[in-house]
PDB file of N, CA and C in Angstrom:
ATOM      1  N   MET A   1      58.979  97.691  89.146  1.00  0.00           N
ATOM      2  CA  MET A   1      60.367  98.090  89.137  1.00  0.00           C
ATOM      3  C   MET A   1      60.547  99.159  88.101  1.00  0.00           C
ATOM      4  N   PRO A   2      61.050 100.295  88.468  1.00  0.00           N
ATOM      5  CA  PRO A   2      62.328 100.735  87.968  1.00  0.00           C
ATOM      6  C   PRO A   2      63.254 101.037  89.151  1.00  0.00           C
ATOM      7  N   HIS A   3      64.508 100.663  89.000  1.00  0.00           N
ATOM      8  CA  HIS A   3      65.531 100.988  89.990  1.00  0.00           C
ATOM      9  C   HIS A   3      66.554 101.882  89.294  1.00  0.00           C
ATOM     10  N   LEU A   4      66.723 103.084  89.829  1.00  0.00           N
ATOM     11  CA  LEU A   4      67.688 104.028  89.264  1.00  0.00           C
ATOM     12  C   LEU A   4      68.911 104.066  90.165  1.00  0.00           C
ATOM     13  N   SER A   5      70.032 103.644  89.614  1.00  0.00           N
ATOM     14  CA  SER A   5      71.312 103.714  90.324  1.00  0.00           C
ATOM     15  C   SER A   5      72.108 104.873  89.756  1.00  0.00           C
ATOM     16  N   ILE A   6      72.649 105.667  90.649  1.00  0.00           N
ATOM     17  CA  ILE A   6      73.399 106.862  90.263  1.00  0.00           C
ATOM     18  C   ILE A   6      74.803 106.739  90.831  1.00  0.00           C
ATOM     19  N   ASP A   7      75.785 106.778  89.965  1.00  0.00           N
ATOM     20  CA  ASP A   7      77.186 106.823  90.378  1.00  0.00           C
ATOM     21  C   ASP A   7      77.693 108.224  90.041  1.00  0.00           C
ATOM     22  N   TYR A   8      78.490 108.789  90.964  1.00  0.00           N
ATOM     23  CA  TYR A   8      78.976 110.136  90.698  1.00  0.00           C
ATOM     24  C   TYR A   8      80.358 110.340  91.311  1.00  0.00           C
ATOM     25  N   SER A   9      81.089 111.280  90.747  1.00  0.00           N
ATOM     26  CA  SER A   9      82.437 111.579  91.217  1.00  0.00           C
ATOM     27  C   SER A   9      82.379 112.312  92.561  1.00  0.00           C
ATOM     28  N   PRO A  10      83.363 112.071  93.421  1.00  0.00           N
ATOM     29  CA  PRO A  10      83.315 112.617  94.777  1.00  0.00           C
ATOM     30  C   PRO A  10      83.247 114.141  94.843  1.00  0.00           C
ATOM     31  N   SER A  11      83.955 114.832  93.963  1.00  0.00           N
ATOM     32  CA  SER A  11      83.960 116.295  94.048  1.00  0.00           C
ATOM     33  C   SER A  11      82.641 116.918  93.607  1.00  0.00           C
ATOM     34  N   LEU A  12      81.755 116.119  93.009  1.00  0.00           N
ATOM     35  CA  LEU A  12      80.444 116.646  92.623  1.00  0.00           C
ATOM     36  C   LEU A  12      79.632 117.042  93.849  1.00  0.00           C
ATOM     37  N   ASP A  13      79.917 116.414  95.004  1.00  0.00           N
ATOM     38  CA  ASP A  13      79.221 116.773  96.248  1.00  0.00           C
ATOM     39  C   ASP A  13      79.330 118.264  96.570  1.00  0.00           C
ATOM     40  N   SER A  14      80.434 118.894  96.190  1.00  0.00           N
ATOM     41  CA  SER A  14      80.609 120.319  96.486  1.00  0.00           C
ATOM     42  C   SER A  14      79.892 121.211  95.474  1.00  0.00           C
ATOM     43  N   ARG A  15      79.416 120.634  94.369  1.00  0.00           N
ATOM     44  CA  ARG A  15      78.760 121.410  93.311  1.00  0.00           C
ATOM     45  C   ARG A  15      77.266 121.162  93.208  1.00  0.00           C
ATOM     46  N   VAL A  16      76.809 120.003  93.715  1.00  0.00           N
ATOM     47  CA  VAL A  16      75.426 119.573  93.496  1.00  0.00           C
ATOM     48  C   VAL A  16      74.864 118.987  94.786  1.00  0.00           C
ATOM     49  N   ASP A  17      73.609 119.271  95.067  1.00  0.00           N
ATOM     50  CA  ASP A  17      72.897 118.643  96.183  1.00  0.00           C
ATOM     51  C   ASP A  17      72.395 117.286  95.672  1.00  0.00           C
ATOM     52  N   VAL A  18      73.158 116.242  95.951  1.00  0.00           N
ATOM     53  CA  VAL A  18      72.848 114.922  95.405  1.00  0.00           C
ATOM     54  C   VAL A  18      71.533 114.389  95.975  1.00  0.00           C
ATOM     55  N   ALA A  19      71.255 114.656  97.239  1.00  0.00           N
ATOM     56  CA  ALA A  19      69.985 114.209  97.830  1.00  0.00           C
ATOM     57  C   ALA A  19      68.805 114.860  97.103  1.00  0.00           C
ATOM     58  N   ALA A  20      68.911 116.138  96.794  1.00  0.00           N
ATOM     59  CA  ALA A  20      67.849 116.825  96.052  1.00  0.00           C
ATOM     60  C   ALA A  20      67.740 116.260  94.637  1.00  0.00           C
ATOM     61  N   PHE A  21      68.880 115.935  94.032  1.00  0.00           N
ATOM     62  CA  PHE A  21      68.860 115.316  92.704  1.00  0.00           C
ATOM     63  C   PHE A  21      68.094 113.995  92.754  1.00  0.00           C
ATOM     64  N   CYS A  22      68.327 113.201  93.780  1.00  0.00           N
ATOM     65  CA  CYS A  22      67.611 111.924  93.928  1.00  0.00           C
ATOM     66  C   CYS A  22      66.107 112.157  94.036  1.00  0.00           C
ATOM     67  N   ARG A  23      65.703 113.177  94.772  1.00  0.00           N
ATOM     68  CA  ARG A  23      64.271 113.477  94.896  1.00  0.00           C
ATOM     69  C   ARG A  23      63.672 113.872  93.545  1.00  0.00           C
ATOM     70  N   ILE A  24      64.398 114.635  92.754  1.00  0.00           N
ATOM     71  CA  ILE A  24      63.935 115.033  91.421  1.00  0.00           C
ATOM     72  C   ILE A  24      63.784 113.805  90.520  1.00  0.00           C
ATOM     73  N   MET A  25      64.755 112.914  90.572  1.00  0.00           N
ATOM     74  CA  MET A  25      64.694 111.704  89.746  1.00  0.00           C
ATOM     75  C   MET A  25      63.543 110.804  90.211  1.00  0.00           C
ATOM     76  N   HIS A  26      63.324 110.718  91.517  1.00  0.00           N
ATOM     77  CA  HIS A  26      62.205 109.934  92.045  1.00  0.00           C
ATOM     78  C   HIS A  26      60.888 110.507  91.535  1.00  0.00           C
ATOM     79  N   ALA A  27      60.752 111.827  91.609  1.00  0.00           N
ATOM     80  CA  ALA A  27      59.520 112.477  91.140  1.00  0.00           C
ATOM     81  C   ALA A  27      59.292 112.207  89.651  1.00  0.00           C
ATOM     82  N   ALA A  28      60.357 112.211  88.869  1.00  0.00           N
ATOM     83  CA  ALA A  28      60.216 111.938  87.431  1.00  0.00           C
ATOM     84  C   ALA A  28      59.760 110.499  87.197  1.00  0.00           C
ATOM     85  N   LEU A  29      60.247 109.570  87.981  1.00  0.00           N
ATOM     86  CA  LEU A  29      59.815 108.175  87.844  1.00  0.00           C
ATOM     87  C   LEU A  29      58.367 108.005  88.287  1.00  0.00           C
ATOM     88  N   VAL A  30      57.991 108.659  89.375  1.00  0.00           N
ATOM     89  CA  VAL A  30      56.604 108.583  89.857  1.00  0.00           C
ATOM     90  C   VAL A  30      55.656 109.161  88.810  1.00  0.00           C
ATOM     91  N   ALA A  31      56.083 110.208  88.119  1.00  0.00           N
ATOM     92  CA  ALA A  31      55.238 110.858  87.117  1.00  0.00           C
ATOM     93  C   ALA A  31      55.042 110.001  85.870  1.00  0.00           C
ATOM     94  N   SER A  32      55.901 109.020  85.669  1.00  0.00           N
ATOM     95  CA  SER A  32      55.779 108.168  84.486  1.00  0.00           C
ATOM     96  C   SER A  32      54.576 107.246  84.625  1.00  0.00           C
ATOM     97  N   PRO A  33      53.762 107.127  83.581  1.00  0.00           N
ATOM     98  CA  PRO A  33      52.613 106.220  83.648  1.00  0.00           C
ATOM     99  C   PRO A  33      53.017 104.746  83.540  1.00  0.00           C
ATOM    100  N   ASP A  34      54.277 104.480  83.269  1.00  0.00           N
ATOM    101  CA  ASP A  34      54.717 103.113  82.984  1.00  0.00           C
ATOM    102  C   ASP A  34      55.339 102.370  84.156  1.00  0.00           C
ATOM    103  N   PHE A  35      55.471 103.041  85.305  1.00  0.00           N
ATOM    104  CA  PHE A  35      56.147 102.404  86.430  1.00  0.00           C
ATOM    105  C   PHE A  35      55.287 102.459  87.691  1.00  0.00           C
ATOM    106  N   PRO A  36      55.120 101.327  88.374  1.00  0.00           N
ATOM    107  CA  PRO A  36      54.372 101.338  89.633  1.00  0.00           C
ATOM    108  C   PRO A  36      55.215 101.983  90.738  1.00  0.00           C
ATOM    109  N   THR A  37      54.591 102.851  91.506  1.00  0.00           N
ATOM    110  CA  THR A  37      55.307 103.562  92.573  1.00  0.00           C
ATOM    111  C   THR A  37      55.994 102.603  93.531  1.00  0.00           C
ATOM    112  N   ALA A  38      55.342 101.505  93.843  1.00  0.00           N
ATOM    113  CA  ALA A  38      55.911 100.556  94.805  1.00  0.00           C
ATOM    114  C   ALA A  38      57.229  99.960  94.331  1.00  0.00           C
ATOM    115  N   GLY A  39      57.472  99.974  93.048  1.00  0.00           N
ATOM    116  CA  GLY A  39      58.700  99.385  92.527  1.00  0.00           C
ATOM    117  C   GLY A  39      59.850 100.358  92.382  1.00  0.00           C
ATOM    118  N   ILE A  40      59.599 101.632  92.600  1.00  0.00           N
ATOM    119  CA  ILE A  40      60.622 102.652  92.355  1.00  0.00           C
ATOM    120  C   ILE A  40      61.676 102.634  93.462  1.00  0.00           C
ATOM    121  N   ARG A  41      62.923 102.645  93.036  1.00  0.00           N
ATOM    122  CA  ARG A  41      64.068 102.798  93.940  1.00  0.00           C
ATOM    123  C   ARG A  41      65.013 103.791  93.275  1.00  0.00           C
ATOM    124  N   VAL A  42      65.519 104.727  94.052  1.00  0.00           N
ATOM    125  CA  VAL A  42      66.538 105.656  93.575  1.00  0.00           C
ATOM    126  C   VAL A  42      67.655 105.640  94.603  1.00  0.00           C
ATOM    127  N   ARG A  43      68.853 105.351  94.152  1.00  0.00           N
ATOM    128  CA  ARG A  43      69.984 105.330  95.075  1.00  0.00           C
ATOM    129  C   ARG A  43      71.210 105.907  94.391  1.00  0.00           C
ATOM    130  N   ALA A  44      71.989 106.644  95.172  1.00  0.00           N
ATOM    131  CA  ALA A  44      73.187 107.290  94.648  1.00  0.00           C
ATOM    132  C   ALA A  44      74.408 106.762  95.399  1.00  0.00           C
ATOM    133  N   HIS A  45      75.463 106.558  94.639  1.00  0.00           N
ATOM    134  CA  HIS A  45      76.710 106.044  95.195  1.00  0.00           C
ATOM    135  C   HIS A  45      77.856 106.947  94.731  1.00  0.00           C
ATOM    136  N   ARG A  46      78.546 107.523  95.704  1.00  0.00           N
ATOM    137  CA  ARG A  46      79.721 108.321  95.357  1.00  0.00           C
ATOM    138  C   ARG A  46      80.869 107.366  95.027  1.00  0.00           C
ATOM    139  N   ALA A  47      81.514 107.575  93.910  1.00  0.00           N
ATOM    140  CA  ALA A  47      82.650 106.752  93.496  1.00  0.00           C
ATOM    141  C   ALA A  47      83.912 107.382  94.076  1.00  0.00           C
ATOM    142  N   ASP A  48      84.268 106.958  95.267  1.00  0.00           N
ATOM    143  CA  ASP A  48      85.402 107.576  95.956  1.00  0.00           C
ATOM    144  C   ASP A  48      86.708 107.453  95.188  1.00  0.00           C
ATOM    145  N   HIS A  49      86.792 106.469  94.338  1.00  0.00           N
ATOM    146  CA  HIS A  49      87.990 106.293  93.517  1.00  0.00           C
ATOM    147  C   HIS A  49      87.545 106.301  92.062  1.00  0.00           C
ATOM    148  N   ALA A  50      87.828 107.405  91.382  1.00  0.00           N
ATOM    149  CA  ALA A  50      87.405 107.550  89.993  1.00  0.00           C
ATOM    150  C   ALA A  50      88.389 108.437  89.241  1.00  0.00           C
ATOM    151  N   ILE A  51      88.628 108.077  88.014  1.00  0.00           N
ATOM    152  CA  ILE A  51      89.425 108.898  87.103  1.00  0.00           C
ATOM    153  C   ILE A  51      88.545 109.123  85.878  1.00  0.00           C
ATOM    154  N   VAL A  52      88.336 110.384  85.536  1.00  0.00           N
ATOM    155  CA  VAL A  52      87.432 110.725  84.444  1.00  0.00           C
ATOM    156  C   VAL A  52      88.231 111.317  83.287  1.00  0.00           C
ATOM    157  N   ALA A  53      87.964 110.826  82.097  1.00  0.00           N
ATOM    158  CA  ALA A  53      88.522 111.353  80.841  1.00  0.00           C
ATOM    159  C   ALA A  53      90.045 111.495  80.931  1.00  0.00           C
ATOM    160  N   ASP A  54      90.535 112.739  80.908  1.00  0.00           N
ATOM    161  CA  ASP A  54      91.982 112.971  80.886  1.00  0.00           C
ATOM    162  C   ASP A  54      92.605 112.978  82.277  1.00  0.00           C
ATOM    163  N   GLY A  55      91.808 112.698  83.310  1.00  0.00           N
ATOM    164  CA  GLY A  55      92.332 112.648  84.668  1.00  0.00           C
ATOM    165  C   GLY A  55      92.389 113.990  85.368  1.00  0.00           C
ATOM    166  N   ASP A  56      91.927 115.057  84.719  1.00  0.00           N
ATOM    167  CA  ASP A  56      91.902 116.381  85.348  1.00  0.00           C
ATOM    168  C   ASP A  56      90.997 116.319  86.569  1.00  0.00           C
ATOM    169  N   ALA A  57      91.497 116.715  87.716  1.00  0.00           N
ATOM    170  CA  ALA A  57      90.754 116.616  88.981  1.00  0.00           C
ATOM    171  C   ALA A  57      89.482 117.462  88.988  1.00  0.00           C
ATOM    172  N   LYS A  58      89.368 118.436  88.082  1.00  0.00           N
ATOM    173  CA  LYS A  58      88.163 119.281  88.026  1.00  0.00           C
ATOM    174  C   LYS A  58      86.999 118.588  87.314  1.00  0.00           C
ATOM    175  N   THR A  59      87.282 117.474  86.649  1.00  0.00           N
ATOM    176  CA  THR A  59      86.263 116.820  85.847  1.00  0.00           C
ATOM    177  C   THR A  59      85.389 115.915  86.710  1.00  0.00           C
ATOM    178  N   ASP A  60      84.080 116.126  86.640  1.00  0.00           N
ATOM    179  CA  ASP A  60      83.100 115.342  87.373  1.00  0.00           C
ATOM    180  C   ASP A  60      82.236 114.538  86.411  1.00  0.00           C
ATOM    181  N   PHE A  61      81.562 113.528  86.967  1.00  0.00           N
ATOM    182  CA  PHE A  61      80.609 112.754  86.187  1.00  0.00           C
ATOM    183  C   PHE A  61      79.433 112.363  87.062  1.00  0.00           C
ATOM    184  N   LEU A  62      78.325 112.096  86.412  1.00  0.00           N
ATOM    185  CA  LEU A  62      77.161 111.497  87.037  1.00  0.00           C
ATOM    186  C   LEU A  62      76.593 110.530  86.012  1.00  0.00           C
ATOM    187  N   ALA A  63      76.617 109.241  86.365  1.00  0.00           N
ATOM    188  CA  ALA A  63      76.164 108.187  85.451  1.00  0.00           C
ATOM    189  C   ALA A  63      74.963 107.492  86.068  1.00  0.00           C
ATOM    190  N   MET A  64      73.869 107.432  85.315  1.00  0.00           N
ATOM    191  CA  MET A  64      72.639 106.806  85.796  1.00  0.00           C
ATOM    192  C   MET A  64      72.378 105.528  85.012  1.00  0.00           C
ATOM    193  N   THR A  65      71.946 104.506  85.728  1.00  0.00           N
ATOM    194  CA  THR A  65      71.508 103.258  85.113  1.00  0.00           C
ATOM    195  C   THR A  65      70.107 102.965  85.631  1.00  0.00           C
ATOM    196  N   LEU A  66      69.158 102.887  84.730  1.00  0.00           N
ATOM    197  CA  LEU A  66      67.784 102.557  85.085  1.00  0.00           C
ATOM    198  C   LEU A  66      67.544 101.095  84.719  1.00  0.00           C
ATOM    199  N   SER A  67      67.338 100.265  85.734  1.00  0.00           N
ATOM    200  CA  SER A  67      67.022  98.857  85.515  1.00  0.00           C
ATOM    201  C   SER A  67      65.520  98.695  85.617  1.00  0.00           C
ATOM    202  N   VAL A  68      64.940  98.064  84.604  1.00  0.00           N
ATOM    203  CA  VAL A  68      63.482  97.887  84.564  1.00  0.00           C
ATOM    204  C   VAL A  68      63.156  96.433  84.255  1.00  0.00           C
ATOM    205  N   GLY A  69      61.989  96.011  84.708  1.00  0.00           N
ATOM    206  CA  GLY A  69      61.509  94.681  84.372  1.00  0.00           C
ATOM    207  C   GLY A  69      61.054  94.634  82.924  1.00  0.00           C
ATOM    208  N   ALA A  70      61.019  93.437  82.377  1.00  0.00           N
ATOM    209  CA  ALA A  70      60.582  93.239  81.001  1.00  0.00           C
ATOM    210  C   ALA A  70      59.098  93.553  80.868  1.00  0.00           C
ATOM    211  N   GLY A  71      58.664  93.824  79.647  1.00  0.00           N
ATOM    212  CA  GLY A  71      57.247  94.015  79.379  1.00  0.00           C
ATOM    213  C   GLY A  71      56.876  95.379  78.845  1.00  0.00           C
ATOM    214  N   ARG A  72      57.802  96.309  78.852  1.00  0.00           N
ATOM    215  CA  ARG A  72      57.529  97.630  78.290  1.00  0.00           C
ATOM    216  C   ARG A  72      58.126  97.693  76.892  1.00  0.00           C
ATOM    217  N   ASP A  73      57.430  98.365  75.991  1.00  0.00           N
ATOM    218  CA  ASP A  73      57.964  98.440  74.634  1.00  0.00           C
ATOM    219  C   ASP A  73      59.024  99.537  74.528  1.00  0.00           C
ATOM    220  N   HIS A  74      59.705  99.530  73.405  1.00  0.00           N
ATOM    221  CA  HIS A  74      60.810 100.463  73.170  1.00  0.00           C
ATOM    222  C   HIS A  74      60.357 101.919  73.322  1.00  0.00           C
ATOM    223  N   ALA A  75      59.195 102.248  72.793  1.00  0.00           N
ATOM    224  CA  ALA A  75      58.697 103.631  72.859  1.00  0.00           C
ATOM    225  C   ALA A  75      58.461 104.060  74.309  1.00  0.00           C
ATOM    226  N   GLN A  76      57.898 103.178  75.120  1.00  0.00           N
ATOM    227  CA  GLN A  76      57.673 103.506  76.531  1.00  0.00           C
ATOM    228  C   GLN A  76      59.003 103.783  77.234  1.00  0.00           C
ATOM    229  N   LEU A  77      59.986 102.928  76.994  1.00  0.00           N
ATOM    230  CA  LEU A  77      61.289 103.102  77.636  1.00  0.00           C
ATOM    231  C   LEU A  77      61.981 104.367  77.139  1.00  0.00           C
ATOM    232  N   LYS A  78      61.850 104.639  75.854  1.00  0.00           N
ATOM    233  CA  LYS A  78      62.451 105.859  75.294  1.00  0.00           C
ATOM    234  C   LYS A  78      61.809 107.101  75.908  1.00  0.00           C
ATOM    235  N   ASP A  79      60.483 107.106  76.039  1.00  0.00           N
ATOM    236  CA  ASP A  79      59.792 108.237  76.673  1.00  0.00           C
ATOM    237  C   ASP A  79      60.243 108.422  78.119  1.00  0.00           C
ATOM    238  N   ALA A  80      60.320 107.336  78.852  1.00  0.00           N
ATOM    239  CA  ALA A  80      60.765 107.410  80.244  1.00  0.00           C
ATOM    240  C   ALA A  80      62.199 107.921  80.321  1.00  0.00           C
ATOM    241  N   GLY A  81      63.061 107.411  79.453  1.00  0.00           N
ATOM    242  CA  GLY A  81      64.447 107.864  79.428  1.00  0.00           C
ATOM    243  C   GLY A  81      64.572 109.336  79.071  1.00  0.00           C
ATOM    244  N   ASN A  82      63.797 109.770  78.089  1.00  0.00           N
ATOM    245  CA  ASN A  82      63.817 111.185  77.708  1.00  0.00           C
ATOM    246  C   ASN A  82      63.388 112.073  78.874  1.00  0.00           C
ATOM    247  N   ALA A  83      62.342 111.663  79.588  1.00  0.00           N
ATOM    248  CA  ALA A  83      61.853 112.460  80.723  1.00  0.00           C
ATOM    249  C   ALA A  83      62.886 112.504  81.845  1.00  0.00           C
ATOM    250  N   LEU A  84      63.471 111.364  82.161  1.00  0.00           N
ATOM    251  CA  LEU A  84      64.506 111.328  83.210  1.00  0.00           C
ATOM    252  C   LEU A  84      65.710 112.176  82.826  1.00  0.00           C
ATOM    253  N   PHE A  85      66.173 112.021  81.585  1.00  0.00           N
ATOM    254  CA  PHE A  85      67.367 112.744  81.163  1.00  0.00           C
ATOM    255  C   PHE A  85      67.110 114.248  81.139  1.00  0.00           C
ATOM    256  N   ALA A  86      65.930 114.660  80.695  1.00  0.00           N
ATOM    257  CA  ALA A  86      65.592 116.090  80.685  1.00  0.00           C
ATOM    258  C   ALA A  86      65.552 116.645  82.107  1.00  0.00           C
ATOM    259  N   ALA A  87      64.991 115.888  83.054  1.00  0.00           N
ATOM    260  CA  ALA A  87      64.957 116.332  84.450  1.00  0.00           C
ATOM    261  C   ALA A  87      66.372 116.453  85.002  1.00  0.00           C
ATOM    262  N   ALA A  88      67.228 115.493  84.659  1.00  0.00           N
ATOM    263  CA  ALA A  88      68.621 115.539  85.114  1.00  0.00           C
ATOM    264  C   ALA A  88      69.348 116.735  84.511  1.00  0.00           C
ATOM    265  N   GLN A  89      69.164 116.958  83.216  1.00  0.00           N
ATOM    266  CA  GLN A  89      69.829 118.093  82.557  1.00  0.00           C
ATOM    267  C   GLN A  89      69.389 119.416  83.182  1.00  0.00           C
ATOM    268  N   SER A  90      68.116 119.538  83.490  1.00  0.00           N
ATOM    269  CA  SER A  90      67.613 120.765  84.098  1.00  0.00           C
ATOM    270  C   SER A  90      68.243 120.984  85.468  1.00  0.00           C
ATOM    271  N   PHE A  91      68.270 119.945  86.282  1.00  0.00           N
ATOM    272  CA  PHE A  91      68.825 120.066  87.629  1.00  0.00           C
ATOM    273  C   PHE A  91      70.327 120.314  87.583  1.00  0.00           C
ATOM    274  N   LEU A  92      71.005 119.732  86.627  1.00  0.00           N
ATOM    275  CA  LEU A  92      72.468 119.801  86.541  1.00  0.00           C
ATOM    276  C   LEU A  92      72.938 120.844  85.533  1.00  0.00           C
ATOM    277  N   GLU A  93      72.127 121.856  85.338  1.00  0.00           N
ATOM    278  CA  GLU A  93      72.445 122.897  84.356  1.00  0.00           C
ATOM    279  C   GLU A  93      73.814 123.533  84.608  1.00  0.00           C
ATOM    280  N   GLU A  94      74.131 123.814  85.861  1.00  0.00           N
ATOM    281  CA  GLU A  94      75.408 124.483  86.163  1.00  0.00           C
ATOM    282  C   GLU A  94      76.609 123.624  85.786  1.00  0.00           C
ATOM    283  N   PRO A  95      76.716 122.397  86.285  1.00  0.00           N
ATOM    284  CA  PRO A  95      77.897 121.630  85.870  1.00  0.00           C
ATOM    285  C   PRO A  95      77.921 121.330  84.372  1.00  0.00           C
ATOM    286  N   LEU A  96      76.746 121.184  83.745  1.00  0.00           N
ATOM    287  CA  LEU A  96      76.708 120.932  82.305  1.00  0.00           C
ATOM    288  C   LEU A  96      77.157 122.148  81.489  1.00  0.00           C
ATOM    289  N   SER A  97      77.176 123.329  82.113  1.00  0.00           N
ATOM    290  CA  SER A  97      77.603 124.542  81.401  1.00  0.00           C
ATOM    291  C   SER A  97      79.127 124.653  81.359  1.00  0.00           C
ATOM    292  N   THR A  98      79.824 123.700  81.962  1.00  0.00           N
ATOM    293  CA  THR A  98      81.288 123.713  81.971  1.00  0.00           C
ATOM    294  C   THR A  98      81.807 122.560  81.121  1.00  0.00           C
ATOM    295  N   PRO A  99      83.072 122.637  80.704  1.00  0.00           N
ATOM    296  CA  PRO A  99      83.659 121.523  79.955  1.00  0.00           C
ATOM    297  C   PRO A  99      84.228 120.430  80.860  1.00  0.00           C
ATOM    298  N   TYR A 100      83.812 120.429  82.130  1.00  0.00           N
ATOM    299  CA  TYR A 100      84.358 119.488  83.115  1.00  0.00           C
ATOM    300  C   TYR A 100      83.274 118.608  83.730  1.00  0.00           C
ATOM    301  N   PHE A 101      82.308 118.177  82.922  1.00  0.00           N
ATOM    302  CA  PHE A 101      81.224 117.362  83.468  1.00  0.00           C
ATOM    303  C   PHE A 101      80.688 116.426  82.397  1.00  0.00           C
ATOM    304  N   ALA A 102      80.384 115.203  82.801  1.00  0.00           N
ATOM    305  CA  ALA A 102      79.793 114.213  81.904  1.00  0.00           C
ATOM    306  C   ALA A 102      78.554 113.633  82.568  1.00  0.00           C
ATOM    307  N   LEU A 103      77.453 113.605  81.842  1.00  0.00           N
ATOM    308  CA  LEU A 103      76.182 113.061  82.314  1.00  0.00           C
ATOM    309  C   LEU A 103      75.770 111.941  81.385  1.00  0.00           C
ATOM    310  N   SER A 104      75.305 110.830  81.959  1.00  0.00           N
ATOM    311  CA  SER A 104      74.846 109.730  81.115  1.00  0.00           C
ATOM    312  C   SER A 104      73.680 108.990  81.771  1.00  0.00           C
ATOM    313  N   LEU A 105      72.900 108.324  80.920  1.00  0.00           N
ATOM    314  CA  LEU A 105      71.788 107.472  81.354  1.00  0.00           C
ATOM    315  C   LEU A 105      71.747 106.260  80.445  1.00  0.00           C
ATOM    316  N   GLU A 106      71.610 105.095  81.048  1.00  0.00           N
ATOM    317  CA  GLU A 106      71.441 103.849  80.312  1.00  0.00           C
ATOM    318  C   GLU A 106      70.249 103.116  80.913  1.00  0.00           C
ATOM    319  N   ILE A 107      69.430 102.519  80.057  1.00  0.00           N
ATOM    320  CA  ILE A 107      68.304 101.711  80.528  1.00  0.00           C
ATOM    321  C   ILE A 107      68.616 100.251  80.240  1.00  0.00           C
ATOM    322  N   ARG A 108      68.456  99.425  81.269  1.00  0.00           N
ATOM    323  CA  ARG A 108      68.662  97.982  81.135  1.00  0.00           C
ATOM    324  C   ARG A 108      67.349  97.269  81.432  1.00  0.00           C
ATOM    325  N   VAL A 109      66.980  96.353  80.571  1.00  0.00           N
ATOM    326  CA  VAL A 109      65.780  95.554  80.770  1.00  0.00           C
ATOM    327  C   VAL A 109      66.208  94.203  81.338  1.00  0.00           C
ATOM    328  N   LEU A 110      65.645  93.854  82.484  1.00  0.00           N
ATOM    329  CA  LEU A 110      66.034  92.621  83.165  1.00  0.00           C
ATOM    330  C   LEU A 110      65.228  91.426  82.670  1.00  0.00           C
ATOM    331  N   ASP A 111      65.871  90.315  82.546  1.00  0.00           N
ATOM    332  CA  ASP A 111      65.231  89.060  82.171  1.00  0.00           C
ATOM    333  C   ASP A 111      64.432  88.569  83.379  1.00  0.00           C
ATOM    334  N   PRO A 112      63.119  88.386  83.258  1.00  0.00           N
ATOM    335  CA  PRO A 112      62.306  87.992  84.412  1.00  0.00           C
ATOM    336  C   PRO A 112      62.694  86.636  84.993  1.00  0.00           C
ATOM    337  N   GLU A 113      63.277  85.769  84.187  1.00  0.00           N
ATOM    338  CA  GLU A 113      63.699  84.466  84.702  1.00  0.00           C
ATOM    339  C   GLU A 113      64.991  84.557  85.506  1.00  0.00           C
ATOM    340  N   LEU A 114      65.655  85.697  85.416  1.00  0.00           N
ATOM    341  CA  LEU A 114      66.916  85.890  86.125  1.00  0.00           C
ATOM    342  C   LEU A 114      66.840  87.051  87.103  1.00  0.00           C
ATOM    343  N   SER A 115      65.642  87.321  87.597  1.00  0.00           N
ATOM    344  CA  SER A 115      65.420  88.429  88.532  1.00  0.00           C
ATOM    345  C   SER A 115      64.499  87.948  89.652  1.00  0.00           C
ATOM    346  N   TRP A 116      65.001  87.947  90.869  1.00  0.00           N
ATOM    347  CA  TRP A 116      64.236  87.469  92.019  1.00  0.00           C
ATOM    348  C   TRP A 116      63.874  88.646  92.913  1.00  0.00           C
ATOM    349  N   LYS A 117      62.658  88.627  93.456  1.00  0.00           N
ATOM    350  CA  LYS A 117      62.180  89.704  94.329  1.00  0.00           C
ATOM    351  C   LYS A 117      61.264  89.114  95.395  1.00  0.00           C
ATOM    352  N   ASP A 118      61.288  89.703  96.570  1.00  0.00           N
ATOM    353  CA  ASP A 118      60.368  89.348  97.647  1.00  0.00           C
ATOM    354  C   ASP A 118      60.118  90.629  98.425  1.00  0.00           C
ATOM    355  N   THR A 119      59.007  91.307  98.140  1.00  0.00           N
ATOM    356  CA  THR A 119      58.727  92.570  98.805  1.00  0.00           C
ATOM    357  C   THR A 119      57.240  92.735  99.059  1.00  0.00           C
ATOM    358  N   PRO A 120      56.869  93.026 100.311  1.00  0.00           N
ATOM    359  CA  PRO A 120      55.467  93.306 100.607  1.00  0.00           C
ATOM    360  C   PRO A 120      55.080  94.771 100.354  1.00  0.00           C
ATOM    361  N   ILE A 121      55.989  95.555  99.834  1.00  0.00           N
ATOM    362  CA  ILE A 121      55.710  96.973  99.597  1.00  0.00           C
ATOM    363  C   ILE A 121      54.548  97.135  98.624  1.00  0.00           C
ATOM    364  N   HIS A 122      54.499  96.332  97.578  1.00  0.00           N
ATOM    365  CA  HIS A 122      53.415  96.448  96.592  1.00  0.00           C
ATOM    366  C   HIS A 122      52.062  96.260  97.257  1.00  0.00           C
ATOM    367  N   ALA A 123      51.953  95.248  98.110  1.00  0.00           N
ATOM    368  CA  ALA A 123      50.671  94.997  98.803  1.00  0.00           C
ATOM    369  C   ALA A 123      50.324  96.169  99.727  1.00  0.00           C
ATOM    370  N   ARG A 124      51.302  96.708 100.426  1.00  0.00           N
ATOM    371  CA  ARG A 124      51.050  97.839 101.331  1.00  0.00           C
ATOM    372  C   ARG A 124      50.536  99.046 100.564  1.00  0.00           C
ATOM    373  N   LEU A 125      51.183  99.363  99.450  1.00  0.00           N
ATOM    374  CA  LEU A 125      50.795 100.549  98.701  1.00  0.00           C
ATOM    375  C   LEU A 125      49.491 100.371  97.926  1.00  0.00           C
ATOM    376  N   SER A 126      49.131  99.131  97.649  1.00  0.00           N
ATOM    377  CA  SER A 126      47.864  98.894  96.956  1.00  0.00           C
ATOM    378  C   SER A 126      46.704  98.683  97.939  1.00  0.00           C
ATOM    379  N   GLY A 127      47.007  98.707  99.230  1.00  0.00           N
ATOM    380  CA  GLY A 127      45.958  98.557 100.241  1.00  0.00           C
ATOM    381  C   GLY A 127      45.661  97.126 100.607  1.00  0.00           C
ATOM    382  N   HIS A 128      46.424  96.168 100.082  1.00  0.00           N
ATOM    383  CA  HIS A 128      46.238  94.750 100.404  1.00  0.00           C
ATOM    384  C   HIS A 128      47.369  94.302 101.316  1.00  0.00           C
ATOM    385  N   LYS A 129      47.027  93.505 102.308  1.00  0.00           N
ATOM    386  CA  LYS A 129      48.072  93.027 103.217  1.00  0.00           C
ATOM    387  C   LYS A 129      48.256  91.560 103.126  1.00  0.00           C
TER     388      LYS A 129
END
């Protein structure tokens, strides 16, 4: 696991190719030595109802939450977060150049006793069935 959830303001669709952004974030996660490819998920959700900061309709946001399983140390998570955030900043250079955009990333570590999974994807990608 890492699962990257992306929430974004509806008007960002007219400024950013969100599907391409998801591909960039996926590539950054795949490039990390700390995450198995089979566990990677990237999904984006447009927040059809959102009010940002002062409520100015020109203001957009993109908020990322990376949920990861336990077992990685702080330095590994910080490195992964730095790489993801840098990739996002590069892709979102245009909206970040305006005073009407907010970008964020948070990493959450899941408690293994409170996280259930059932997926044969790992076996498929490792060549075991």
